[in-house]
Structure formats: C-alpha cells, structure tokens
C-alpha atoms as a PDB file:
ATOM      1  CA  MET A   1     -35.070  28.497  42.549  1.00  0.00           C
ATOM      2  CA  GLY A   2     -35.765  25.013  43.859  1.00  0.00           C
ATOM      3  CA  GLN A   3     -34.084  25.852  47.174  1.00  0.00           C
ATOM      4  CA  ILE A   4     -36.493  28.724  47.729  1.00  0.00           C
ATOM      5  CA  PHE A   5     -39.517  26.522  47.090  1.00  0.00           C
ATOM      6  CA  ASP A   6     -38.097  23.808  49.320  1.00  0.00           C
ATOM      7  CA  ARG A   7     -37.570  26.306  52.141  1.00  0.00           C
ATOM      8  CA  LEU A   8     -41.083  27.733  51.785  1.00  0.00           C
ATOM      9  CA  PHE A   9     -42.506  24.218  51.700  1.00  0.00           C
ATOM     10  CA  ARG A  10     -40.747  23.297  54.961  1.00  0.00           C
ATOM     11  CA  ILE A  11     -41.891  26.522  56.643  1.00  0.00           C
ATOM     12  CA  ALA A  12     -45.505  25.967  55.638  1.00  0.00           C
ATOM     13  CA  LYS A  13     -45.363  22.314  56.668  1.00  0.00           C
ATOM     14  CA  SER A  14     -43.863  23.155  60.067  1.00  0.00           C
ATOM     15  CA  TYR A  15     -46.547  25.785  60.568  1.00  0.00           C
ATOM     16  CA  ILE A  16     -49.239  23.184  59.949  1.00  0.00           C
ATOM     17  CA  ASN A  17     -47.573  20.779  62.386  1.00  0.00           C
ATOM     18  CA  ASP A  18     -47.065  23.465  65.071  1.00  0.00           C
ATOM     19  CA  VAL A  19     -50.604  24.788  64.841  1.00  0.00           C
ATOM     20  CA  GLY A  20     -52.014  21.275  64.758  1.00  0.00           C
ATOM     21  CA  SER A  21     -50.206  20.221  67.937  1.00  0.00           C
ATOM     22  CA  ASP A  22     -52.303  22.493  70.175  1.00  0.00           C
ATOM     23  CA  GLY A  23     -55.548  21.265  68.685  1.00  0.00           C
ATOM     24  CA  PHE A  24     -56.692  24.661  67.430  1.00  0.00           C
ATOM     25  CA  VAL A  25     -56.468  24.294  63.677  1.00  0.00           C
ATOM     26  CA  PHE A  26     -59.197  25.871  61.685  1.00  0.00           C
ATOM     27  CA  ASP A  27     -60.167  23.985  58.558  1.00  0.00           C
ATOM     28  CA  SER A  28     -59.909  27.133  56.450  1.00  0.00           C
ATOM     29  CA  GLU A  29     -56.315  27.814  57.609  1.00  0.00           C
ATOM     30  CA  GLU A  30     -55.217  24.262  56.979  1.00  0.00           C
ATOM     31  CA  LYS A  31     -56.831  24.262  53.540  1.00  0.00           C
ATOM     32  CA  ARG A  32     -55.112  27.531  52.601  1.00  0.00           C
ATOM     33  CA  LEU A  33     -51.736  26.236  53.766  1.00  0.00           C
ATOM     34  CA  ARG A  34     -52.175  22.937  51.914  1.00  0.00           C
ATOM     35  CA  ASP A  35     -53.187  24.875  48.792  1.00  0.00           C
ATOM     36  CA  ALA A  36     -50.044  26.989  49.141  1.00  0.00           C
ATOM     37  CA  ILE A  37     -47.897  23.848  49.500  1.00  0.00           C
ATOM     38  CA  ASP A  38     -49.539  22.299  46.446  1.00  0.00           C
ATOM     39  CA  GLU A  39     -48.940  25.479  44.450  1.00  0.00           C
ATOM     40  CA  LEU A  40     -45.284  25.561  45.505  1.00  0.00           C
ATOM     41  CA  ASN A  41     -44.877  21.942  44.470  1.00  0.00           C
ATOM     42  CA  ARG A  42     -46.418  22.680  41.068  1.00  0.00           C
ATOM     43  CA  SER A  43     -44.243  25.772  40.645  1.00  0.00           C
ATOM     44  CA  GLU A  44     -41.114  23.799  41.520  1.00  0.00           C
ATOM     45  CA  SER A  45     -41.883  21.068  39.003  1.00  0.00           C
ATOM     46  CA  THR A  46     -42.609  23.739  36.377  1.00  0.00           C
ATOM     47  CA  ALA A  47     -39.268  25.419  37.148  1.00  0.00           C
ATOM     48  CA  ASP A  48     -37.469  22.059  36.871  1.00  0.00           C
ATOM     49  CA  ALA A  49     -39.128  21.395  33.523  1.00  0.00           C
ATOM     50  CA  GLU A  50     -38.099  24.863  32.299  1.00  0.00           C
ATOM     51  CA  ASP A  51     -34.483  24.253  33.373  1.00  0.00           C
ATOM     52  CA  LYS A  52     -34.448  20.943  31.480  1.00  0.00           C
ATOM     53  CA  ARG A  53     -35.926  22.607  28.392  1.00  0.00           C
ATOM     54  CA  ARG A  54     -33.259  25.315  28.447  1.00  0.00           C
ATOM     55  CA  ALA A  55     -30.495  22.744  28.875  1.00  0.00           C
ATOM     56  CA  GLY A  56     -31.845  20.862  25.857  1.00  0.00           C
ATOM     57  CA  GLU A  57     -31.919  24.058  23.806  1.00  0.00           C
ATOM     58  CA  ASN A  58     -28.312  24.817  24.746  1.00  0.00           C
ATOM     59  CA  GLN A  59     -27.241  21.312  23.692  1.00  0.00           C
ATOM     60  CA  GLU A  60     -29.050  21.670  20.362  1.00  0.00           C
ATOM     61  CA  ARG A  61     -27.469  25.064  19.810  1.00  0.00           C
ATOM     62  CA  GLU A  62     -23.996  23.650  20.502  1.00  0.00           C
ATOM     63  CA  LYS A  63     -24.607  20.780  18.071  1.00  0.00           C
ATOM     64  CA  ALA A  64     -25.729  23.217  15.395  1.00  0.00           C
ATOM     65  CA  GLY A  65     -22.405  25.012  15.543  1.00  0.00           C
ATOM     66  CA  PRO A  66     -21.805  28.558  14.359  1.00  0.00           C
ATOM     67  CA  ALA A  67     -25.278  29.240  13.036  1.00  0.00           C
ATOM     68  CA  ALA A  68     -26.439  32.765  12.359  1.00  0.00           C
ATOM     69  CA  ASN A  69     -29.221  34.408  14.322  1.00  0.00           C
ATOM     70  CA  GLU A  70     -32.020  36.539  12.863  1.00  0.00           C
ATOM     71  CA  SER A  71     -29.690  39.504  12.398  1.00  0.00           C
ATOM     72  CA  GLY A  72     -27.143  37.394  10.512  1.00  0.00           C
ATOM     73  CA  MET A  73     -24.565  37.354  13.312  1.00  0.00           C
ATOM     74  CA  THR A  74     -22.413  34.255  13.689  1.00  0.00           C
ATOM     75  CA  VAL A  75     -20.140  33.069  16.472  1.00  0.00           C
ATOM     76  CA  ALA A  76     -17.136  33.888  14.296  1.00  0.00           C
ATOM     77  CA  GLY A  77     -18.476  37.381  13.569  1.00  0.00           C
ATOM     78  CA  ALA A  78     -19.302  38.067  17.205  1.00  0.00           C
ATOM     79  CA  CYS A  79     -15.866  36.887  18.299  1.00  0.00           C
ATOM     80  CA  ALA A  80     -14.261  39.063  15.608  1.00  0.00           C
ATOM     81  CA  GLU A  81     -16.190  42.074  16.952  1.00  0.00           C
ATOM     82  CA  LEU A  82     -14.536  41.406  20.316  1.00  0.00           C
ATOM     83  CA  GLY A  83     -11.144  40.844  18.663  1.00  0.00           C
ATOM     84  CA  LEU A  84     -11.093  37.111  19.397  1.00  0.00           C
ATOM     85  CA  PRO A  85     -10.831  33.892  17.393  1.00  0.00           C
ATOM     86  CA  PRO A  86     -14.021  31.796  17.072  1.00  0.00           C
ATOM     87  CA  THR A  87     -12.521  29.204  19.432  1.00  0.00           C
ATOM     88  CA  ALA A  88     -12.252  31.685  22.327  1.00  0.00           C
ATOM     89  CA  SER A  89     -13.161  30.405  25.770  1.00  0.00           C
ATOM     90  CA  THR A  90     -15.865  31.898  27.955  1.00  0.00           C
ATOM     91  CA  ALA A  91     -13.242  33.539  30.165  1.00  0.00           C
ATOM     92  CA  GLU A  92     -11.535  35.101  27.138  1.00  0.00           C
ATOM     93  CA  ILE A  93     -14.865  36.395  25.821  1.00  0.00           C
ATOM     94  CA  LYS A  94     -15.767  37.959  29.159  1.00  0.00           C
ATOM     95  CA  ALA A  95     -12.333  39.556  29.545  1.00  0.00           C
ATOM     96  CA  ALA A  96     -12.385  40.985  26.006  1.00  0.00           C
ATOM     97  CA  TYR A  97     -15.906  42.343  26.546  1.00  0.00           C
ATOM     98  CA  ARG A  98     -14.929  44.095  29.783  1.00  0.00           C
ATOM     99  CA  LYS A  99     -11.801  45.561  28.176  1.00  0.00           C
ATOM    100  CA  LEU A 100     -13.626  46.871  25.104  1.00  0.00           C
ATOM    101  CA  ILE A 101     -16.659  48.223  26.921  1.00  0.00           C
ATOM    102  CA  LYS A 102     -14.357  50.164  29.258  1.00  0.00           C
ATOM    103  CA  LYS A 103     -12.639  51.628  26.225  1.00  0.00           C
ATOM    104  CA  TYR A 104     -15.763  52.519  24.216  1.00  0.00           C
ATOM    105  CA  HIS A 105     -18.405  53.235  26.850  1.00  0.00           C
ATOM    106  CA  PRO A 106     -20.301  56.431  25.892  1.00  0.00           C
ATOM    107  CA  ASP A 107     -20.111  57.832  29.430  1.00  0.00           C
ATOM    108  CA  LEU A 108     -16.323  57.957  29.200  1.00  0.00           C
ATOM    109  CA  VAL A 109     -16.413  60.318  26.218  1.00  0.00           C
ATOM    110  CA  ALA A 110     -19.310  62.498  27.370  1.00  0.00           C
ATOM    111  CA  SER A 111     -17.064  65.572  27.563  1.00  0.00           C
ATOM    112  CA  MET A 112     -15.770  65.104  24.008  1.00  0.00           C
ATOM    113  CA  GLY A 113     -17.406  66.170  20.768  1.00  0.00           C
ATOM    114  CA  LYS A 114     -20.664  64.785  19.432  1.00  0.00           C
ATOM    115  CA  GLU A 115     -18.900  62.786  16.707  1.00  0.00           C
ATOM    116  CA  VAL A 116     -16.723  60.991  19.247  1.00  0.00           C
ATOM    117  CA  GLN A 117     -19.781  60.311  21.406  1.00  0.00           C
ATOM    118  CA  GLU A 118     -21.669  58.838  18.446  1.00  0.00           C
ATOM    119  CA  VAL A 119     -18.733  56.597  17.496  1.00  0.00           C
ATOM    120  CA  ALA A 120     -18.547  55.372  21.095  1.00  0.00           C
ATOM    121  CA  ARG A 121     -22.307  54.744  21.159  1.00  0.00           C
ATOM    122  CA  VAL A 122     -22.230  52.746  17.922  1.00  0.00           C
ATOM    123  CA  LYS A 123     -19.166  50.754  18.958  1.00  0.00           C
ATOM    124  CA  SER A 124     -20.532  49.962  22.437  1.00  0.00           C
ATOM    125  CA  ARG A 125     -23.822  48.786  20.906  1.00  0.00           C
ATOM    126  CA  ALA A 126     -21.912  46.478  18.563  1.00  0.00           C
ATOM    127  CA  ILE A 127     -19.846  45.141  21.471  1.00  0.00           C
ATOM    128  CA  ASN A 128     -22.965  44.543  23.581  1.00  0.00           C
ATOM    129  CA  LYS A 129     -24.763  42.867  20.679  1.00  0.00           C
ATOM    130  CA  ALA A 130     -21.805  40.549  20.003  1.00  0.00           C
ATOM    131  CA  TYR A 131     -21.462  39.675  23.681  1.00  0.00           C
ATOM    132  CA  ALA A 132     -25.199  38.991  24.065  1.00  0.00           C
ATOM    133  CA  PHE A 133     -25.096  36.761  20.977  1.00  0.00           C
ATOM    134  CA  LEU A 134     -22.130  34.819  22.377  1.00  0.00           C
ATOM    135  CA  GLU A 135     -23.836  34.469  25.765  1.00  0.00           C
ATOM    136  CA  ASP A 136     -26.809  32.900  24.034  1.00  0.00           C
ATOM    137  CA  ALA A 137     -24.850  30.837  21.523  1.00  0.00           C
ATOM    138  CA  LYS A 138     -22.347  29.439  24.014  1.00  0.00           C
ATOM    139  CA  GLY A 139     -24.792  29.227  26.918  1.00  0.00           C
ATOM    140  CA  PHE A 140     -22.950  31.208  29.587  1.00  0.00           C
END
C-alpha cells in the first residue's frame, strides 16, 4: 500500500515541478495538488499505523496460545477438522485445506442426491470455518 502512495506522491510532486517551470501555475491548481499530497501522506501514515496494530495483535494472539474464539473453536479443534496435529505448519494447513475442499466441495456432488449434497455443504462449511480460524489464529 505504501508503494502506491509513494508513487502517487512522486507523480503529483513532479506535476507541480513541471507546471511550475513554465511559470503558468494557477494558485488553485497548486493548492489542490498540495492538498492531494498532504492527504496521501496522511493516508500512508494511517496505513502504517494499521499495519503495526495488526502485527501487535498477531503477536498477542501467538502469545495467548490455543485460545478459543467466540464459537468455541480452538487451534487444536481446527487442525483436527483438517486432519492435522495442532503443531501443523502453515504449508501443511494450506495443503490439507486444498485437499479436503477438493474432496467435499458441493459443486463436485451437484449431480448426486440431495443428502450427499447436504453432507458436502456441511463438511465444506466446517473446513472453511476451520481454515479461516487458523488463518486468523496463526496470522497467515
């Protein structure tokens, strides 16, 4: 995000310098460009602060260990849903998720009976919920 703001800042600044070199800068144009640069600078510092806040939250979450979320899910429970031990790495979690979602995705059983479709829907929701919890808990 910071790269985008930096690029926009340089473009706006070069525009001010280019327009100013021929002596035909209108005060209103320069003011609008300077306001835009100021806004970009504020937005960038806000984005940096948000990134730092998120990093702090992830560190706190890691220190807290396998805490449960509002629905009662734990890291161990989420890993078990994916067929993994609680110590599974990020790569193992992602691989297990892809494997299971391919197996239980509702679109793959659309031609089968309603009961099979419902089982696939329930199982894929549980897989997605476990994976989303692990994404949040482990910060990936």
